[in-house]
Amino acid sequence: MFQQPHTPESNPIEQVWQYFKRGLRWELPKNLDELRSLISKQLEQLTKEVIKSIVGRAYILEALSVVNV
């Protein structure tokens, strides 16, 4: 399926990064290890349902359902 360049809203990993950024918005890690720890905690909380809610855009799922593989 063709994906236009520079369209982060249709790229699932960009949606995941936005989710992480929102979760870290008010955190002030003192160093890289603390940042890694905060991100690890967020990763541990990810479930299939959470991931689905982040990247499961209706228009993407609809487009994929009509693509001939």
PDB file of N, CA and C in Angstrom:
ATOM      1  N   MET A   1       0.838  -1.165   0.000  1.00  0.00           N
ATOM      2  CA  MET A   1       0.000   0.000   0.000  1.00  0.00           C
ATOM      3  C   MET A   1       0.890   1.238   0.000  1.00  0.00           C
ATOM      4  N   PHE A   2       0.603   2.146  -0.896  1.00  0.00           N
ATOM      5  CA  PHE A   2       1.384   3.367  -1.015  1.00  0.00           C
ATOM      6  C   PHE A   2       1.175   4.254   0.209  1.00  0.00           C
ATOM      7  N   GLN A   3       2.261   4.775   0.735  1.00  0.00           N
ATOM      8  CA  GLN A   3       2.187   5.716   1.860  1.00  0.00           C
ATOM      9  C   GLN A   3       2.954   6.968   1.462  1.00  0.00           C
ATOM     10  N   GLN A   4       2.265   8.080   1.517  1.00  0.00           N
ATOM     11  CA  GLN A   4       2.900   9.324   1.143  1.00  0.00           C
ATOM     12  C   GLN A   4       4.018   9.665   2.120  1.00  0.00           C
ATOM     13  N   PRO A   5       5.098  10.290   1.623  1.00  0.00           N
ATOM     14  CA  PRO A   5       6.161  10.702   2.532  1.00  0.00           C
ATOM     15  C   PRO A   5       5.686  11.821   3.457  1.00  0.00           C
ATOM     16  N   HIS A   6       6.311  11.904   4.596  1.00  0.00           N
ATOM     17  CA  HIS A   6       6.020  12.977   5.553  1.00  0.00           C
ATOM     18  C   HIS A   6       4.570  12.957   6.037  1.00  0.00           C
ATOM     19  N   THR A   7       4.055  11.760   6.308  1.00  0.00           N
ATOM     20  CA  THR A   7       2.706  11.637   6.858  1.00  0.00           C
ATOM     21  C   THR A   7       2.772  10.812   8.150  1.00  0.00           C
ATOM     22  N   PRO A   8       3.296  11.416   9.215  1.00  0.00           N
ATOM     23  CA  PRO A   8       3.454  10.666  10.461  1.00  0.00           C
ATOM     24  C   PRO A   8       2.141  10.174  11.046  1.00  0.00           C
ATOM     25  N   GLU A   9       1.028  10.845  10.735  1.00  0.00           N
ATOM     26  CA  GLU A   9      -0.253  10.412  11.285  1.00  0.00           C
ATOM     27  C   GLU A   9      -0.687   9.051  10.761  1.00  0.00           C
ATOM     28  N   SER A  10      -0.131   8.608   9.642  1.00  0.00           N
ATOM     29  CA  SER A  10      -0.490   7.292   9.114  1.00  0.00           C
ATOM     30  C   SER A  10       0.595   6.245   9.361  1.00  0.00           C
ATOM     31  N   ASN A  11       1.641   6.615  10.059  1.00  0.00           N
ATOM     32  CA  ASN A  11       2.720   5.679  10.377  1.00  0.00           C
ATOM     33  C   ASN A  11       2.542   5.220  11.829  1.00  0.00           C
ATOM     34  N   PRO A  12       2.214   3.954  12.049  1.00  0.00           N
ATOM     35  CA  PRO A  12       1.920   3.478  13.400  1.00  0.00           C
ATOM     36  C   PRO A  12       3.015   3.754  14.432  1.00  0.00           C
ATOM     37  N   ILE A  13       4.283   3.636  14.068  1.00  0.00           N
ATOM     38  CA  ILE A  13       5.335   3.840  15.063  1.00  0.00           C
ATOM     39  C   ILE A  13       5.371   5.294  15.523  1.00  0.00           C
ATOM     40  N   GLU A  14       5.007   6.213  14.657  1.00  0.00           N
ATOM     41  CA  GLU A  14       4.953   7.618  15.054  1.00  0.00           C
ATOM     42  C   GLU A  14       3.867   7.841  16.098  1.00  0.00           C
ATOM     43  N   GLN A  15       2.776   7.114  15.965  1.00  0.00           N
ATOM     44  CA  GLN A  15       1.703   7.198  16.954  1.00  0.00           C
ATOM     45  C   GLN A  15       2.172   6.671  18.306  1.00  0.00           C
ATOM     46  N   VAL A  16       2.965   5.602  18.281  1.00  0.00           N
ATOM     47  CA  VAL A  16       3.505   5.041  19.530  1.00  0.00           C
ATOM     48  C   VAL A  16       4.454   6.032  20.179  1.00  0.00           C
ATOM     49  N   TRP A  17       5.310   6.683  19.390  1.00  0.00           N
ATOM     50  CA  TRP A  17       6.231   7.683  19.945  1.00  0.00           C
ATOM     51  C   TRP A  17       5.462   8.831  20.579  1.00  0.00           C
ATOM     52  N   GLN A  18       4.385   9.266  19.944  1.00  0.00           N
ATOM     53  CA  GLN A  18       3.562  10.330  20.518  1.00  0.00           C
ATOM     54  C   GLN A  18       2.977   9.900  21.862  1.00  0.00           C
ATOM     55  N   TYR A  19       2.555   8.649  21.942  1.00  0.00           N
ATOM     56  CA  TYR A  19       2.030   8.106  23.196  1.00  0.00           C
ATOM     57  C   TYR A  19       3.099   8.172  24.290  1.00  0.00           C
ATOM     58  N   PHE A  20       4.325   7.774  23.965  1.00  0.00           N
ATOM     59  CA  PHE A  20       5.420   7.824  24.936  1.00  0.00           C
ATOM     60  C   PHE A  20       5.736   9.266  25.351  1.00  0.00           C
ATOM     61  N   LYS A  21       5.757  10.150  24.387  1.00  0.00           N
ATOM     62  CA  LYS A  21       6.065  11.550  24.695  1.00  0.00           C
ATOM     63  C   LYS A  21       5.034  12.146  25.643  1.00  0.00           C
ATOM     64  N   ARG A  22       3.766  11.837  25.398  1.00  0.00           N
ATOM     65  CA  ARG A  22       2.724  12.350  26.297  1.00  0.00           C
ATOM     66  C   ARG A  22       2.911  11.796  27.700  1.00  0.00           C
ATOM     67  N   GLY A  23       3.317  10.549  27.812  1.00  0.00           N
ATOM     68  CA  GLY A  23       3.528   9.933  29.115  1.00  0.00           C
ATOM     69  C   GLY A  23       4.735  10.482  29.853  1.00  0.00           C
ATOM     70  N   LEU A  24       5.683  11.026  29.123  1.00  0.00           N
ATOM     71  CA  LEU A  24       6.912  11.549  29.729  1.00  0.00           C
ATOM     72  C   LEU A  24       6.916  13.073  29.827  1.00  0.00           C
ATOM     73  N   ARG A  25       5.835  13.682  29.431  1.00  0.00           N
ATOM     74  CA  ARG A  25       5.759  15.138  29.323  1.00  0.00           C
ATOM     75  C   ARG A  25       6.204  15.870  30.584  1.00  0.00           C
ATOM     76  N   TRP A  26       5.797  15.407  31.741  1.00  0.00           N
ATOM     77  CA  TRP A  26       6.086  16.117  32.983  1.00  0.00           C
ATOM     78  C   TRP A  26       7.240  15.499  33.765  1.00  0.00           C
ATOM     79  N   GLU A  27       7.887  14.506  33.199  1.00  0.00           N
ATOM     80  CA  GLU A  27       9.037  13.884  33.849  1.00  0.00           C
ATOM     81  C   GLU A  27      10.297  14.685  33.549  1.00  0.00           C
ATOM     82  N   LEU A  28      11.190  14.766  34.509  1.00  0.00           N
ATOM     83  CA  LEU A  28      12.458  15.463  34.312  1.00  0.00           C
ATOM     84  C   LEU A  28      13.610  14.537  34.709  1.00  0.00           C
ATOM     85  N   PRO A  29      13.927  13.585  33.818  1.00  0.00           N
ATOM     86  CA  PRO A  29      15.019  12.665  34.162  1.00  0.00           C
ATOM     87  C   PRO A  29      16.343  13.425  34.289  1.00  0.00           C
ATOM     88  N   LYS A  30      17.123  13.016  35.252  1.00  0.00           N
ATOM     89  CA  LYS A  30      18.405  13.686  35.502  1.00  0.00           C
ATOM     90  C   LYS A  30      19.513  13.191  34.579  1.00  0.00           C
ATOM     91  N   ASN A  31      19.323  11.993  34.030  1.00  0.00           N
ATOM     92  CA  ASN A  31      20.350  11.437  33.150  1.00  0.00           C
ATOM     93  C   ASN A  31      19.711  10.415  32.213  1.00  0.00           C
ATOM     94  N   LEU A  32      20.516   9.879  31.342  1.00  0.00           N
ATOM     95  CA  LEU A  32      20.023   8.940  30.342  1.00  0.00           C
ATOM     96  C   LEU A  32      19.506   7.650  30.975  1.00  0.00           C
ATOM     97  N   ASP A  33      20.158   7.188  32.022  1.00  0.00           N
ATOM     98  CA  ASP A  33      19.701   5.966  32.687  1.00  0.00           C
ATOM     99  C   ASP A  33      18.309   6.146  33.287  1.00  0.00           C
ATOM    100  N   GLU A  34      18.044   7.302  33.858  1.00  0.00           N
ATOM    101  CA  GLU A  34      16.722   7.568  34.419  1.00  0.00           C
ATOM    102  C   GLU A  34      15.666   7.627  33.310  1.00  0.00           C
ATOM    103  N   LEU A  35      16.020   8.215  32.177  1.00  0.00           N
ATOM    104  CA  LEU A  35      15.107   8.252  31.035  1.00  0.00           C
ATOM    105  C   LEU A  35      14.820   6.834  30.546  1.00  0.00           C
ATOM    106  N   ARG A  36      15.848   6.019  30.461  1.00  0.00           N
ATOM    107  CA  ARG A  36      15.659   4.620  30.052  1.00  0.00           C
ATOM    108  C   ARG A  36      14.718   3.899  31.004  1.00  0.00           C
ATOM    109  N   SER A  37      14.875   4.160  32.284  1.00  0.00           N
ATOM    110  CA  SER A  37      14.021   3.539  33.284  1.00  0.00           C
ATOM    111  C   SER A  37      12.565   3.957  33.105  1.00  0.00           C
ATOM    112  N   LEU A  38      12.336   5.241  32.859  1.00  0.00           N
ATOM    113  CA  LEU A  38      10.975   5.738  32.647  1.00  0.00           C
ATOM    114  C   LEU A  38      10.343   5.106  31.402  1.00  0.00           C
ATOM    115  N   ILE A  39      11.125   5.005  30.340  1.00  0.00           N
ATOM    116  CA  ILE A  39      10.618   4.395  29.100  1.00  0.00           C
ATOM    117  C   ILE A  39      10.352   2.910  29.318  1.00  0.00           C
ATOM    118  N   SER A  40      11.225   2.245  30.061  1.00  0.00           N
ATOM    119  CA  SER A  40      11.017   0.819  30.354  1.00  0.00           C
ATOM    120  C   SER A  40       9.716   0.598  31.104  1.00  0.00           C
ATOM    121  N   LYS A  41       9.424   1.464  32.049  1.00  0.00           N
ATOM    122  CA  LYS A  41       8.171   1.352  32.798  1.00  0.00           C
ATOM    123  C   LYS A  41       6.971   1.508  31.875  1.00  0.00           C
ATOM    124  N   GLN A  42       7.064   2.443  30.947  1.00  0.00           N
ATOM    125  CA  GLN A  42       5.965   2.619  29.990  1.00  0.00           C
ATOM    126  C   GLN A  42       5.830   1.385  29.092  1.00  0.00           C
ATOM    127  N   LEU A  43       6.952   0.835  28.662  1.00  0.00           N
ATOM    128  CA  LEU A  43       6.903  -0.361  27.813  1.00  0.00           C
ATOM    129  C   LEU A  43       6.265  -1.534  28.534  1.00  0.00           C
ATOM    130  N   GLU A  44       6.541  -1.672  29.815  1.00  0.00           N
ATOM    131  CA  GLU A  44       5.974  -2.765  30.595  1.00  0.00           C
ATOM    132  C   GLU A  44       4.459  -2.652  30.703  1.00  0.00           C
ATOM    133  N   GLN A  45       3.939  -1.455  30.608  1.00  0.00           N
ATOM    134  CA  GLN A  45       2.502  -1.234  30.732  1.00  0.00           C
ATOM    135  C   GLN A  45       1.757  -1.431  29.412  1.00  0.00           C
ATOM    136  N   LEU A  46       2.498  -1.568  28.319  1.00  0.00           N
ATOM    137  CA  LEU A  46       1.843  -1.749  27.022  1.00  0.00           C
ATOM    138  C   LEU A  46       1.233  -3.146  26.929  1.00  0.00           C
ATOM    139  N   THR A  47      -0.021  -3.179  26.601  1.00  0.00           N
ATOM    140  CA  THR A  47      -0.703  -4.434  26.326  1.00  0.00           C
ATOM    141  C   THR A  47      -1.162  -4.397  24.874  1.00  0.00           C
ATOM    142  N   LYS A  48      -1.637  -5.511  24.385  1.00  0.00           N
ATOM    143  CA  LYS A  48      -2.150  -5.533  23.013  1.00  0.00           C
ATOM    144  C   LYS A  48      -3.297  -4.542  22.841  1.00  0.00           C
ATOM    145  N   GLU A  49      -4.122  -4.425  23.867  1.00  0.00           N
ATOM    146  CA  GLU A  49      -5.256  -3.510  23.793  1.00  0.00           C
ATOM    147  C   GLU A  49      -4.790  -2.054  23.712  1.00  0.00           C
ATOM    148  N   VAL A  50      -3.765  -1.714  24.487  1.00  0.00           N
ATOM    149  CA  VAL A  50      -3.245  -0.344  24.457  1.00  0.00           C
ATOM    150  C   VAL A  50      -2.632  -0.054  23.098  1.00  0.00           C
ATOM    151  N   ILE A  51      -1.841  -0.974  22.598  1.00  0.00           N
ATOM    152  CA  ILE A  51      -1.224  -0.787  21.276  1.00  0.00           C
ATOM    153  C   ILE A  51      -2.301  -0.644  20.208  1.00  0.00           C
ATOM    154  N   LYS A  52      -3.311  -1.483  20.300  1.00  0.00           N
ATOM    155  CA  LYS A  52      -4.405  -1.419  19.334  1.00  0.00           C
ATOM    156  C   LYS A  52      -5.101  -0.065  19.388  1.00  0.00           C
ATOM    157  N   SER A  53      -5.283   0.475  20.597  1.00  0.00           N
ATOM    158  CA  SER A  53      -5.936   1.777  20.717  1.00  0.00           C
ATOM    159  C   SER A  53      -5.061   2.908  20.175  1.00  0.00           C
ATOM    160  N   ILE A  54      -3.741   2.723  20.222  1.00  0.00           N
ATOM    161  CA  ILE A  54      -2.827   3.756  19.724  1.00  0.00           C
ATOM    162  C   ILE A  54      -2.768   3.745  18.199  1.00  0.00           C
ATOM    163  N   VAL A  55      -2.589   2.562  17.625  1.00  0.00           N
ATOM    164  CA  VAL A  55      -2.332   2.479  16.184  1.00  0.00           C
ATOM    165  C   VAL A  55      -3.533   2.015  15.365  1.00  0.00           C
ATOM    166  N   GLY A  56      -4.594   1.594  16.001  1.00  0.00           N
ATOM    167  CA  GLY A  56      -5.753   1.053  15.284  1.00  0.00           C
ATOM    168  C   GLY A  56      -6.645   2.131  14.717  1.00  0.00           C
ATOM    169  N   ARG A  57      -6.146   2.889  13.789  1.00  0.00           N
ATOM    170  CA  ARG A  57      -6.933   3.943  13.155  1.00  0.00           C
ATOM    171  C   ARG A  57      -7.918   3.317  12.174  1.00  0.00           C
ATOM    172  N   ALA A  58      -9.156   3.718  12.279  1.00  0.00           N
ATOM    173  CA  ALA A  58     -10.211   3.130  11.451  1.00  0.00           C
ATOM    174  C   ALA A  58      -9.918   3.271   9.965  1.00  0.00           C
ATOM    175  N   TYR A  59      -9.431   4.436   9.544  1.00  0.00           N
ATOM    176  CA  TYR A  59      -9.195   4.632   8.106  1.00  0.00           C
ATOM    177  C   TYR A  59      -8.058   3.753   7.596  1.00  0.00           C
ATOM    178  N   ILE A  60      -7.077   3.454   8.443  1.00  0.00           N
ATOM    179  CA  ILE A  60      -5.984   2.563   8.031  1.00  0.00           C
ATOM    180  C   ILE A  60      -6.503   1.132   7.939  1.00  0.00           C
ATOM    181  N   LEU A  61      -7.255   0.703   8.954  1.00  0.00           N
ATOM    182  CA  LEU A  61      -7.799  -0.650   8.941  1.00  0.00           C
ATOM    183  C   LEU A  61      -8.754  -0.851   7.773  1.00  0.00           C
ATOM    184  N   GLU A  62      -9.532   0.154   7.464  1.00  0.00           N
ATOM    185  CA  GLU A  62     -10.463   0.062   6.329  1.00  0.00           C
ATOM    186  C   GLU A  62      -9.689  -0.042   5.020  1.00  0.00           C
ATOM    187  N   ALA A  63      -8.643   0.764   4.864  1.00  0.00           N
ATOM    188  CA  ALA A  63      -7.830   0.726   3.641  1.00  0.00           C
ATOM    189  C   ALA A  63      -7.161  -0.643   3.490  1.00  0.00           C
ATOM    190  N   LEU A  64      -6.664  -1.184   4.591  1.00  0.00           N
ATOM    191  CA  LEU A  64      -6.019  -2.489   4.520  1.00  0.00           C
ATOM    192  C   LEU A  64      -7.001  -3.600   4.198  1.00  0.00           C
ATOM    193  N   SER A  65      -8.239  -3.443   4.612  1.00  0.00           N
ATOM    194  CA  SER A  65      -9.228  -4.491   4.370  1.00  0.00           C
ATOM    195  C   SER A  65      -9.615  -4.610   2.904  1.00  0.00           C
ATOM    196  N   VAL A  66      -9.381  -3.579   2.111  1.00  0.00           N
ATOM    197  CA  VAL A  66      -9.757  -3.633   0.708  1.00  0.00           C
ATOM    198  C   VAL A  66      -8.575  -3.862  -0.229  1.00  0.00           C
ATOM    199  N   VAL A  67      -7.370  -3.911   0.350  1.00  0.00           N
ATOM    200  CA  VAL A  67      -6.178  -4.138  -0.471  1.00  0.00           C
ATOM    201  C   VAL A  67      -6.124  -5.606  -0.882  1.00  0.00           C
ATOM    202  N   ASN A  68      -5.858  -5.833  -2.162  1.00  0.00           N
ATOM    203  CA  ASN A  68      -5.683  -7.210  -2.650  1.00  0.00           C
ATOM    204  C   ASN A  68      -4.245  -7.636  -2.400  1.00  0.00           C
ATOM    205  N   VAL A  69      -4.085  -8.675  -1.632  1.00  0.00           N
ATOM    206  CA  VAL A  69      -2.732  -9.163  -1.330  1.00  0.00           C
ATOM    207  C   VAL A  69      -2.371 -10.266  -2.273  1.00  0.00           C
TER     208      VAL A  69
END
